[in-house]
Each structure stands twice: as C-alpha cells, then as structure tokens.
Amino acid sequence: AEGESQLDAERGALVGTVRVSAPSDLART
C-alpha cells in the first residue's frame, strides 16, 4: 500500500483510506 501511495504521490495526488480513532466529543466539536 505504501508503494502504491508513493506512486500516486509522484503524480501529486493523495489517495487511499486513512483509519482514524478519536475521542467522541473532540471529533464532533
């Protein structure tokens, strides 16, 4: 996946999914 993202970065684009965990209220507000 990192290799694929590096290829995309060379074309100036960010692609793919970012999986994020965050506290509930901070996420909402």
mmCIF file of all heavy atoms, coordinates in Angstrom:
data_MODEL
# 
_entry.id   MODEL 
# 
loop_
_atom_site.group_PDB 
_atom_site.id 
_atom_site.type_symbol 
_atom_site.label_atom_id 
_atom_site.label_alt_id 
_atom_site.label_comp_id 
_atom_site.label_asym_id 
_atom_site.label_entity_id 
_atom_site.label_seq_id 
_atom_site.pdbx_PDB_ins_code 
_atom_site.Cartn_x 
_atom_site.Cartn_y 
_atom_site.Cartn_z 
_atom_site.occupancy 
_atom_site.B_iso_or_equiv 
_atom_site.pdbx_formal_charge 
_atom_site.auth_seq_id 
_atom_site.auth_comp_id 
_atom_site.auth_asym_id 
_atom_site.auth_atom_id 
_atom_site.pdbx_PDB_model_num 
ATOM 1   N N   . ALA A 1 1  ? 0.827   -1.206 0.000   1.00 0.00 ? 1  ALA A N   1 
ATOM 2   C CA  . ALA A 1 1  ? 0.000   0.000  0.000   1.00 0.00 ? 1  ALA A CA  1 
ATOM 3   C C   . ALA A 1 1  ? 0.858   1.251  0.000   1.00 0.00 ? 1  ALA A C   1 
ATOM 4   O O   . ALA A 1 1  ? 0.543   2.236  -0.674  1.00 0.00 ? 1  ALA A O   1 
ATOM 5   C CB  . ALA A 1 1  ? -0.930  -0.009 1.219   1.00 0.00 ? 1  ALA A CB  1 
ATOM 6   N N   . GLU A 1 2  ? 1.975   1.200  0.747   1.00 0.00 ? 2  GLU A N   1 
ATOM 7   C CA  . GLU A 1 2  ? 2.873   2.350  0.762   1.00 0.00 ? 2  GLU A CA  1 
ATOM 8   C C   . GLU A 1 2  ? 3.499   2.569  -0.607  1.00 0.00 ? 2  GLU A C   1 
ATOM 9   O O   . GLU A 1 2  ? 3.637   3.706  -1.070  1.00 0.00 ? 2  GLU A O   1 
ATOM 10  C CB  . GLU A 1 2  ? 3.963   2.134  1.816   1.00 0.00 ? 2  GLU A CB  1 
ATOM 11  C CG  . GLU A 1 2  ? 5.066   3.183  1.833   1.00 0.00 ? 2  GLU A CG  1 
ATOM 12  C CD  . GLU A 1 2  ? 4.577   4.568  2.193   1.00 0.00 ? 2  GLU A CD  1 
ATOM 13  O OE1 . GLU A 1 2  ? 3.409   4.700  2.625   1.00 0.00 ? 2  GLU A OE1 1 
ATOM 14  O OE2 . GLU A 1 2  ? 5.348   5.529  2.042   1.00 0.00 ? 2  GLU A OE2 1 
ATOM 15  N N   . GLY A 1 3  ? 3.874   1.485  -1.273  1.00 0.00 ? 3  GLY A N   1 
ATOM 16  C CA  . GLY A 1 3  ? 4.427   1.620  -2.613  1.00 0.00 ? 3  GLY A CA  1 
ATOM 17  C C   . GLY A 1 3  ? 3.444   2.254  -3.572  1.00 0.00 ? 3  GLY A C   1 
ATOM 18  O O   . GLY A 1 3  ? 3.803   3.125  -4.373  1.00 0.00 ? 3  GLY A O   1 
ATOM 19  N N   . GLU A 1 4  ? 2.178   1.841  -3.488  1.00 0.00 ? 4  GLU A N   1 
ATOM 20  C CA  . GLU A 1 4  ? 1.142   2.431  -4.337  1.00 0.00 ? 4  GLU A CA  1 
ATOM 21  C C   . GLU A 1 4  ? 0.959   3.916  -4.034  1.00 0.00 ? 4  GLU A C   1 
ATOM 22  O O   . GLU A 1 4  ? 0.801   4.737  -4.941  1.00 0.00 ? 4  GLU A O   1 
ATOM 23  C CB  . GLU A 1 4  ? -0.173  1.685  -4.137  1.00 0.00 ? 4  GLU A CB  1 
ATOM 24  C CG  . GLU A 1 4  ? -0.164  0.262  -4.676  1.00 0.00 ? 4  GLU A CG  1 
ATOM 25  C CD  . GLU A 1 4  ? -1.453  -0.479 -4.362  1.00 0.00 ? 4  GLU A CD  1 
ATOM 26  O OE1 . GLU A 1 4  ? -2.313  0.108  -3.677  1.00 0.00 ? 4  GLU A OE1 1 
ATOM 27  O OE2 . GLU A 1 4  ? -1.601  -1.643 -4.788  1.00 0.00 ? 4  GLU A OE2 1 
ATOM 28  N N   . SER A 1 5  ? 0.973   4.247  -2.735  1.00 0.00 ? 5  SER A N   1 
ATOM 29  C CA  . SER A 1 5  ? 0.773   5.653  -2.373  1.00 0.00 ? 5  SER A CA  1 
ATOM 30  C C   . SER A 1 5  ? 1.948   6.514  -2.829  1.00 0.00 ? 5  SER A C   1 
ATOM 31  O O   . SER A 1 5  ? 1.781   7.678  -3.185  1.00 0.00 ? 5  SER A O   1 
ATOM 32  C CB  . SER A 1 5  ? 0.573   5.798  -0.862  1.00 0.00 ? 5  SER A CB  1 
ATOM 33  O OG  . SER A 1 5  ? 1.767   5.515  -0.163  1.00 0.00 ? 5  SER A OG  1 
ATOM 34  N N   . GLN A 1 6  ? 3.170   5.937  -2.834  1.00 0.00 ? 6  GLN A N   1 
ATOM 35  C CA  . GLN A 1 6  ? 4.322   6.683  -3.315  1.00 0.00 ? 6  GLN A CA  1 
ATOM 36  C C   . GLN A 1 6  ? 4.198   6.970  -4.810  1.00 0.00 ? 6  GLN A C   1 
ATOM 37  O O   . GLN A 1 6  ? 4.564   8.052  -5.288  1.00 0.00 ? 6  GLN A O   1 
ATOM 38  C CB  . GLN A 1 6  ? 5.607   5.888  -3.043  1.00 0.00 ? 6  GLN A CB  1 
ATOM 39  C CG  . GLN A 1 6  ? 5.972   5.758  -1.575  1.00 0.00 ? 6  GLN A CG  1 
ATOM 40  C CD  . GLN A 1 6  ? 6.460   7.055  -0.976  1.00 0.00 ? 6  GLN A CD  1 
ATOM 41  O OE1 . GLN A 1 6  ? 6.616   8.059  -1.670  1.00 0.00 ? 6  GLN A OE1 1 
ATOM 42  N NE2 . GLN A 1 6  ? 6.687   7.049  0.315   1.00 0.00 ? 6  GLN A NE2 1 
ATOM 43  N N   . LEU A 1 7  ? 3.677   5.995  -5.565  1.00 0.00 ? 7  LEU A N   1 
ATOM 44  C CA  . LEU A 1 7  ? 3.456   6.221  -6.987  1.00 0.00 ? 7  LEU A CA  1 
ATOM 45  C C   . LEU A 1 7  ? 2.443   7.334  -7.204  1.00 0.00 ? 7  LEU A C   1 
ATOM 46  O O   . LEU A 1 7  ? 2.599   8.187  -8.080  1.00 0.00 ? 7  LEU A O   1 
ATOM 47  C CB  . LEU A 1 7  ? 2.973   4.934  -7.653  1.00 0.00 ? 7  LEU A CB  1 
ATOM 48  C CG  . LEU A 1 7  ? 3.970   3.768  -7.711  1.00 0.00 ? 7  LEU A CG  1 
ATOM 49  C CD1 . LEU A 1 7  ? 3.298   2.550  -8.323  1.00 0.00 ? 7  LEU A CD1 1 
ATOM 50  C CD2 . LEU A 1 7  ? 5.206   4.158  -8.517  1.00 0.00 ? 7  LEU A CD2 1 
ATOM 51  N N   . ASP A 1 8  ? 1.374   7.312  -6.384  1.00 0.00 ? 8  ASP A N   1 
ATOM 52  C CA  . ASP A 1 8  ? 0.363   8.357  -6.507  1.00 0.00 ? 8  ASP A CA  1 
ATOM 53  C C   . ASP A 1 8  ? 0.937   9.709  -6.112  1.00 0.00 ? 8  ASP A C   1 
ATOM 54  O O   . ASP A 1 8  ? 0.594   10.742 -6.694  1.00 0.00 ? 8  ASP A O   1 
ATOM 55  C CB  . ASP A 1 8  ? -0.843  8.024  -5.620  1.00 0.00 ? 8  ASP A CB  1 
ATOM 56  C CG  . ASP A 1 8  ? -1.589  6.796  -6.124  1.00 0.00 ? 8  ASP A CG  1 
ATOM 57  O OD1 . ASP A 1 8  ? -1.742  6.669  -7.343  1.00 0.00 ? 8  ASP A OD1 1 
ATOM 58  O OD2 . ASP A 1 8  ? -2.017  5.981  -5.291  1.00 0.00 ? 8  ASP A OD2 1 
ATOM 59  N N   . ALA A 1 9  ? 1.835   9.708  -5.087  1.00 0.00 ? 9  ALA A N   1 
ATOM 60  C CA  . ALA A 1 9  ? 2.428   10.966 -4.647  1.00 0.00 ? 9  ALA A CA  1 
ATOM 61  C C   . ALA A 1 9  ? 3.267   11.596 -5.752  1.00 0.00 ? 9  ALA A C   1 
ATOM 62  O O   . ALA A 1 9  ? 3.329   12.819 -5.880  1.00 0.00 ? 9  ALA A O   1 
ATOM 63  C CB  . ALA A 1 9  ? 3.289   10.727 -3.403  1.00 0.00 ? 9  ALA A CB  1 
ATOM 64  N N   . GLU A 1 10 ? 3.912   10.746 -6.551  1.00 0.00 ? 10 GLU A N   1 
ATOM 65  C CA  . GLU A 1 10 ? 4.695   11.274 -7.661  1.00 0.00 ? 10 GLU A CA  1 
ATOM 66  C C   . GLU A 1 10 ? 3.819   11.998 -8.671  1.00 0.00 ? 10 GLU A C   1 
ATOM 67  O O   . GLU A 1 10 ? 4.275   12.896 -9.377  1.00 0.00 ? 10 GLU A O   1 
ATOM 68  C CB  . GLU A 1 10 ? 5.454   10.133 -8.358  1.00 0.00 ? 10 GLU A CB  1 
ATOM 69  C CG  . GLU A 1 10 ? 6.591   9.556  -7.516  1.00 0.00 ? 10 GLU A CG  1 
ATOM 70  C CD  . GLU A 1 10 ? 7.341   8.467  -8.256  1.00 0.00 ? 10 GLU A CD  1 
ATOM 71  O OE1 . GLU A 1 10 ? 6.953   8.172  -9.400  1.00 0.00 ? 10 GLU A OE1 1 
ATOM 72  O OE2 . GLU A 1 10 ? 8.316   7.938  -7.687  1.00 0.00 ? 10 GLU A OE2 1 
ATOM 73  N N   . ARG A 1 11 ? 2.561   11.616 -8.725  1.00 0.00 ? 11 ARG A N   1 
ATOM 74  C CA  . ARG A 1 11 ? 1.618   12.299 -9.623  1.00 0.00 ? 11 ARG A CA  1 
ATOM 75  C C   . ARG A 1 11 ? 0.925   13.459 -8.924  1.00 0.00 ? 11 ARG A C   1 
ATOM 76  O O   . ARG A 1 11 ? 0.022   14.077 -9.467  1.00 0.00 ? 11 ARG A O   1 
ATOM 77  C CB  . ARG A 1 11 ? 0.583   11.291 -10.140 1.00 0.00 ? 11 ARG A CB  1 
ATOM 78  C CG  . ARG A 1 11 ? 1.182   10.189 -11.003 1.00 0.00 ? 11 ARG A CG  1 
ATOM 79  C CD  . ARG A 1 11 ? 0.097   9.430  -11.750 1.00 0.00 ? 11 ARG A CD  1 
ATOM 80  N NE  . ARG A 1 11 ? -0.700  8.619  -10.848 1.00 0.00 ? 11 ARG A NE  1 
ATOM 81  C CZ  . ARG A 1 11 ? -0.439  7.355  -10.555 1.00 0.00 ? 11 ARG A CZ  1 
ATOM 82  N NH1 . ARG A 1 11 ? 0.611   6.757  -11.096 1.00 0.00 ? 11 ARG A NH1 1 
ATOM 83  N NH2 . ARG A 1 11 ? -1.213  6.673  -9.735  1.00 0.00 ? 11 ARG A NH2 1 
ATOM 84  N N   . GLY A 1 12 ? 1.361   13.733 -7.682  1.00 0.00 ? 12 GLY A N   1 
ATOM 85  C CA  . GLY A 1 12 ? 0.840   14.883 -6.959  1.00 0.00 ? 12 GLY A CA  1 
ATOM 86  C C   . GLY A 1 12 ? -0.505  14.666 -6.300  1.00 0.00 ? 12 GLY A C   1 
ATOM 87  O O   . GLY A 1 12 ? -1.166  15.633 -5.927  1.00 0.00 ? 12 GLY A O   1 
ATOM 88  N N   . ALA A 1 13 ? -0.933  13.417 -6.135  1.00 0.00 ? 13 ALA A N   1 
ATOM 89  C CA  . ALA A 1 13 ? -2.250  13.161 -5.549  1.00 0.00 ? 13 ALA A CA  1 
ATOM 90  C C   . ALA A 1 13 ? -2.117  12.241 -4.343  1.00 0.00 ? 13 ALA A C   1 
ATOM 91  O O   . ALA A 1 13 ? -1.289  11.337 -4.315  1.00 0.00 ? 13 ALA A O   1 
ATOM 92  C CB  . ALA A 1 13 ? -3.178  12.536 -6.578  1.00 0.00 ? 13 ALA A CB  1 
ATOM 93  N N   . LEU A 1 14 ? -2.936  12.496 -3.348  1.00 0.00 ? 14 LEU A N   1 
ATOM 94  C CA  . LEU A 1 14 ? -3.050  11.598 -2.201  1.00 0.00 ? 14 LEU A CA  1 
ATOM 95  C C   . LEU A 1 14 ? -4.282  10.735 -2.409  1.00 0.00 ? 14 LEU A C   1 
ATOM 96  O O   . LEU A 1 14 ? -5.361  11.250 -2.690  1.00 0.00 ? 14 LEU A O   1 
ATOM 97  C CB  . LEU A 1 14 ? -3.190  12.394 -0.897  1.00 0.00 ? 14 LEU A CB  1 
ATOM 98  C CG  . LEU A 1 14 ? -2.005  13.268 -0.487  1.00 0.00 ? 14 LEU A CG  1 
ATOM 99  C CD1 . LEU A 1 14 ? -2.343  14.036 0.785   1.00 0.00 ? 14 LEU A CD1 1 
ATOM 100 C CD2 . LEU A 1 14 ? -0.748  12.444 -0.275  1.00 0.00 ? 14 LEU A CD2 1 
ATOM 101 N N   . VAL A 1 15 ? -4.126  9.434  -2.261  1.00 0.00 ? 15 VAL A N   1 
ATOM 102 C CA  . VAL A 1 15 ? -5.255  8.537  -2.437  1.00 0.00 ? 15 VAL A CA  1 
ATOM 103 C C   . VAL A 1 15 ? -5.226  7.471  -1.353  1.00 0.00 ? 15 VAL A C   1 
ATOM 104 O O   . VAL A 1 15 ? -4.205  7.211  -0.721  1.00 0.00 ? 15 VAL A O   1 
ATOM 105 C CB  . VAL A 1 15 ? -5.242  7.838  -3.822  1.00 0.00 ? 15 VAL A CB  1 
ATOM 106 C CG1 . VAL A 1 15 ? -5.359  8.842  -4.942  1.00 0.00 ? 15 VAL A CG1 1 
ATOM 107 C CG2 . VAL A 1 15 ? -3.989  6.991  -3.977  1.00 0.00 ? 15 VAL A CG2 1 
ATOM 108 N N   . GLY A 1 16 ? -6.385  6.854  -1.131  1.00 0.00 ? 16 GLY A N   1 
ATOM 109 C CA  . GLY A 1 16 ? -6.474  5.757  -0.178  1.00 0.00 ? 16 GLY A CA  1 
ATOM 110 C C   . GLY A 1 16 ? -7.223  6.138  1.076   1.00 0.00 ? 16 GLY A C   1 
ATOM 111 O O   . GLY A 1 16 ? -7.640  7.286  1.263   1.00 0.00 ? 16 GLY A O   1 
ATOM 112 N N   . THR A 1 17 ? -7.395  5.168  1.955   1.00 0.00 ? 17 THR A N   1 
ATOM 113 C CA  . THR A 1 17 ? -8.170  5.335  3.175   1.00 0.00 ? 17 THR A CA  1 
ATOM 114 C C   . THR A 1 17 ? -7.243  5.594  4.359   1.00 0.00 ? 17 THR A C   1 
ATOM 115 O O   . THR A 1 17 ? -6.209  4.947  4.497   1.00 0.00 ? 17 THR A O   1 
ATOM 116 C CB  . THR A 1 17 ? -9.015  4.080  3.454   1.00 0.00 ? 17 THR A CB  1 
ATOM 117 O OG1 . THR A 1 17 ? -9.904  3.867  2.361   1.00 0.00 ? 17 THR A OG1 1 
ATOM 118 C CG2 . THR A 1 17 ? -9.816  4.238  4.740   1.00 0.00 ? 17 THR A CG2 1 
ATOM 119 N N   . VAL A 1 18 ? -7.641  6.545  5.204   1.00 0.00 ? 18 VAL A N   1 
ATOM 120 C CA  . VAL A 1 18 ? -6.952  6.799  6.468   1.00 0.00 ? 18 VAL A CA  1 
ATOM 121 C C   . VAL A 1 18 ? -7.887  6.371  7.596   1.00 0.00 ? 18 VAL A C   1 
ATOM 122 O O   . VAL A 1 18 ? -9.006  6.864  7.712   1.00 0.00 ? 18 VAL A O   1 
ATOM 123 C CB  . VAL A 1 18 ? -6.580  8.286  6.634   1.00 0.00 ? 18 VAL A CB  1 
ATOM 124 C CG1 . VAL A 1 18 ? -5.811  8.489  7.941   1.00 0.00 ? 18 VAL A CG1 1 
ATOM 125 C CG2 . VAL A 1 18 ? -5.764  8.776  5.453   1.00 0.00 ? 18 VAL A CG2 1 
ATOM 126 N N   . ARG A 1 19 ? -7.418  5.450  8.419   1.00 0.00 ? 19 ARG A N   1 
ATOM 127 C CA  . ARG A 1 19 ? -8.223  4.917  9.520   1.00 0.00 ? 19 ARG A CA  1 
ATOM 128 C C   . ARG A 1 19 ? -7.848  5.659  10.793  1.00 0.00 ? 19 ARG A C   1 
ATOM 129 O O   . ARG A 1 19 ? -6.716  5.568  11.259  1.00 0.00 ? 19 ARG A O   1 
ATOM 130 C CB  . ARG A 1 19 ? -7.975  3.420  9.672   1.00 0.00 ? 19 ARG A CB  1 
ATOM 131 C CG  . ARG A 1 19 ? -8.274  2.617  8.408   1.00 0.00 ? 19 ARG A CG  1 
ATOM 132 C CD  . ARG A 1 19 ? -7.647  1.245  8.442   1.00 0.00 ? 19 ARG A CD  1 
ATOM 133 N NE  . ARG A 1 19 ? -6.186  1.326  8.503   1.00 0.00 ? 19 ARG A NE  1 
ATOM 134 C CZ  . ARG A 1 19 ? -5.392  0.262  8.564   1.00 0.00 ? 19 ARG A CZ  1 
ATOM 135 N NH1 . ARG A 1 19 ? -5.908  -0.958 8.591   1.00 0.00 ? 19 ARG A NH1 1 
ATOM 136 N NH2 . ARG A 1 19 ? -4.073  0.408  8.611   1.00 0.00 ? 19 ARG A NH2 1 
ATOM 137 N N   . VAL A 1 20 ? -8.807  6.405  11.338  1.00 0.00 ? 20 VAL A N   1 
ATOM 138 C CA  . VAL A 1 20 ? -8.538  7.305  12.461  1.00 0.00 ? 20 VAL A CA  1 
ATOM 139 C C   . VAL A 1 20 ? -9.415  6.935  13.653  1.00 0.00 ? 20 VAL A C   1 
ATOM 140 O O   . VAL A 1 20 ? -10.595 6.625  13.499  1.00 0.00 ? 20 VAL A O   1 
ATOM 141 C CB  . VAL A 1 20 ? -8.807  8.781  12.072  1.00 0.00 ? 20 VAL A CB  1 
ATOM 142 C CG1 . VAL A 1 20 ? -8.490  9.715  13.238  1.00 0.00 ? 20 VAL A CG1 1 
ATOM 143 C CG2 . VAL A 1 20 ? -7.990  9.167  10.850  1.00 0.00 ? 20 VAL A CG2 1 
ATOM 144 N N   . SER A 1 21 ? -8.829  6.975  14.835  1.00 0.00 ? 21 SER A N   1 
ATOM 145 C CA  . SER A 1 21 ? -9.575  6.833  16.084  1.00 0.00 ? 21 SER A CA  1 
ATOM 146 C C   . SER A 1 21 ? -9.455  8.138  16.860  1.00 0.00 ? 21 SER A C   1 
ATOM 147 O O   . SER A 1 21 ? -8.353  8.691  16.991  1.00 0.00 ? 21 SER A O   1 
ATOM 148 C CB  . SER A 1 21 ? -9.004  5.672  16.912  1.00 0.00 ? 21 SER A CB  1 
ATOM 149 O OG  . SER A 1 21 ? -9.557  5.659  18.213  1.00 0.00 ? 21 SER A OG  1 
ATOM 150 N N   . ALA A 1 22 ? -10.583 8.645  17.370  1.00 0.00 ? 22 ALA A N   1 
ATOM 151 C CA  . ALA A 1 22 ? -10.568 9.931  18.065  1.00 0.00 ? 22 ALA A CA  1 
ATOM 152 C C   . ALA A 1 22 ? -11.620 9.959  19.166  1.00 0.00 ? 22 ALA A C   1 
ATOM 153 O O   . ALA A 1 22 ? -12.639 9.269  19.077  1.00 0.00 ? 22 ALA A O   1 
ATOM 154 C CB  . ALA A 1 22 ? -10.821 11.069 17.074  1.00 0.00 ? 22 ALA A CB  1 
ATOM 155 N N   . PRO A 1 23 ? -11.395 10.757 20.215  1.00 0.00 ? 23 PRO A N   1 
ATOM 156 C CA  . PRO A 1 23 ? -12.396 10.900 21.276  1.00 0.00 ? 23 PRO A CA  1 
ATOM 157 C C   . PRO A 1 23 ? -13.705 11.458 20.730  1.00 0.00 ? 23 PRO A C   1 
ATOM 158 O O   . PRO A 1 23 ? -13.711 12.268 19.802  1.00 0.00 ? 23 PRO A O   1 
ATOM 159 C CB  . PRO A 1 23 ? -11.740 11.895 22.256  1.00 0.00 ? 23 PRO A CB  1 
ATOM 160 C CG  . PRO A 1 23 ? -10.279 11.816 21.966  1.00 0.00 ? 23 PRO A CG  1 
ATOM 161 C CD  . PRO A 1 23 ? -10.178 11.539 20.497  1.00 0.00 ? 23 PRO A CD  1 
ATOM 162 N N   . SER A 1 24 ? -14.810 11.041 21.329  1.00 0.00 ? 24 SER A N   1 
ATOM 163 C CA  . SER A 1 24 ? -16.129 11.352 20.776  1.00 0.00 ? 24 SER A CA  1 
ATOM 164 C C   . SER A 1 24 ? -16.405 12.845 20.686  1.00 0.00 ? 24 SER A C   1 
ATOM 165 O O   . SER A 1 24 ? -16.737 13.359 19.614  1.00 0.00 ? 24 SER A O   1 
ATOM 166 C CB  . SER A 1 24 ? -17.214 10.662 21.612  1.00 0.00 ? 24 SER A CB  1 
ATOM 167 O OG  . SER A 1 24 ? -17.176 11.123 22.951  1.00 0.00 ? 24 SER A OG  1 
ATOM 168 N N   . ASP A 1 25 ? -16.288 13.562 21.781  1.00 0.00 ? 25 ASP A N   1 
ATOM 169 C CA  . ASP A 1 25 ? -16.682 14.973 21.764  1.00 0.00 ? 25 ASP A CA  1 
ATOM 170 C C   . ASP A 1 25 ? -15.709 15.808 20.954  1.00 0.00 ? 25 ASP A C   1 
ATOM 171 O O   . ASP A 1 25 ? -16.106 16.743 20.258  1.00 0.00 ? 25 ASP A O   1 
ATOM 172 C CB  . ASP A 1 25 ? -16.784 15.512 23.194  1.00 0.00 ? 25 ASP A CB  1 
ATOM 173 C CG  . ASP A 1 25 ? -17.806 16.634 23.292  1.00 0.00 ? 25 ASP A CG  1 
ATOM 174 O OD1 . ASP A 1 25 ? -18.859 16.527 22.634  1.00 0.00 ? 25 ASP A OD1 1 
ATOM 175 O OD2 . ASP A 1 25 ? -17.560 17.615 24.007  1.00 0.00 ? 25 ASP A OD2 1 
ATOM 176 N N   . LEU A 1 26 ? -14.428 15.487 21.040  1.00 0.00 ? 26 LEU A N   1 
ATOM 177 C CA  . LEU A 1 26 ? -13.440 16.223 20.250  1.00 0.00 ? 26 LEU A CA  1 
ATOM 178 C C   . LEU A 1 26 ? -13.721 16.034 18.763  1.00 0.00 ? 26 LEU A C   1 
ATOM 179 O O   . LEU A 1 26 ? -13.596 16.973 17.978  1.00 0.00 ? 26 LEU A O   1 
ATOM 180 C CB  . LEU A 1 26 ? -12.033 15.731 20.592  1.00 0.00 ? 26 LEU A CB  1 
ATOM 181 C CG  . LEU A 1 26 ? -10.894 16.510 19.938  1.00 0.00 ? 26 LEU A CG  1 
ATOM 182 C CD1 . LEU A 1 26 ? -10.749 17.873 20.599  1.00 0.00 ? 26 LEU A CD1 1 
ATOM 183 C CD2 . LEU A 1 26 ? -9.589  15.741 20.037  1.00 0.00 ? 26 LEU A CD2 1 
ATOM 184 N N   . ALA A 1 27 ? -14.106 14.825 18.365  1.00 0.00 ? 27 ALA A N   1 
ATOM 185 C CA  . ALA A 1 27 ? -14.412 14.564 16.956  1.00 0.00 ? 27 ALA A CA  1 
ATOM 186 C C   . ALA A 1 27 ? -15.595 15.408 16.502  1.00 0.00 ? 27 ALA A C   1 
ATOM 187 O O   . ALA A 1 27 ? -15.580 15.982 15.405  1.00 0.00 ? 27 ALA A O   1 
ATOM 188 C CB  . ALA A 1 27 ? -14.702 13.088 16.743  1.00 0.00 ? 27 ALA A CB  1 
ATOM 189 N N   . ARG A 1 28 ? -16.623 15.486 17.335  1.00 0.00 ? 28 ARG A N   1 
ATOM 190 C CA  . ARG A 1 28 ? -17.844 16.211 16.954  1.00 0.00 ? 28 ARG A CA  1 
ATOM 191 C C   . ARG A 1 28 ? -17.644 17.724 16.944  1.00 0.00 ? 28 ARG A C   1 
ATOM 192 O O   . ARG A 1 28 ? -18.133 18.416 16.052  1.00 0.00 ? 28 ARG A O   1 
ATOM 193 C CB  . ARG A 1 28 ? -18.978 15.850 17.913  1.00 0.00 ? 28 ARG A CB  1 
ATOM 194 C CG  . ARG A 1 28 ? -19.474 14.419 17.798  1.00 0.00 ? 28 ARG A CG  1 
ATOM 195 C CD  . ARG A 1 28 ? -20.597 14.142 18.783  1.00 0.00 ? 28 ARG A CD  1 
ATOM 196 N NE  . ARG A 1 28 ? -21.165 12.818 18.594  1.00 0.00 ? 28 ARG A NE  1 
ATOM 197 C CZ  . ARG A 1 28 ? -20.745 11.730 19.220  1.00 0.00 ? 28 ARG A CZ  1 
ATOM 198 N NH1 . ARG A 1 28 ? -19.739 11.819 20.088  1.00 0.00 ? 28 ARG A NH1 1 
ATOM 199 N NH2 . ARG A 1 28 ? -21.304 10.564 18.998  1.00 0.00 ? 28 ARG A NH2 1 
ATOM 200 N N   . THR A 1 29 ? -16.935 18.237 17.943  1.00 0.00 ? 29 THR A N   1 
ATOM 201 C CA  . THR A 1 29 ? -16.870 19.694 18.105  1.00 0.00 ? 29 THR A CA  1 
ATOM 202 C C   . THR A 1 29 ? -15.693 20.350 17.400  1.00 0.00 ? 29 THR A C   1 
ATOM 203 O O   . THR A 1 29 ? -15.772 21.519 17.027  1.00 0.00 ? 29 THR A O   1 
ATOM 204 C CB  . THR A 1 29 ? -16.811 20.057 19.593  1.00 0.00 ? 29 THR A CB  1 
ATOM 205 O OG1 . THR A 1 29 ? -15.646 19.432 20.192  1.00 0.00 ? 29 THR A OG1 1 
ATOM 206 C CG2 . THR A 1 29 ? -18.051 19.576 20.332  1.00 0.00 ? 29 THR A CG2 1 
# 
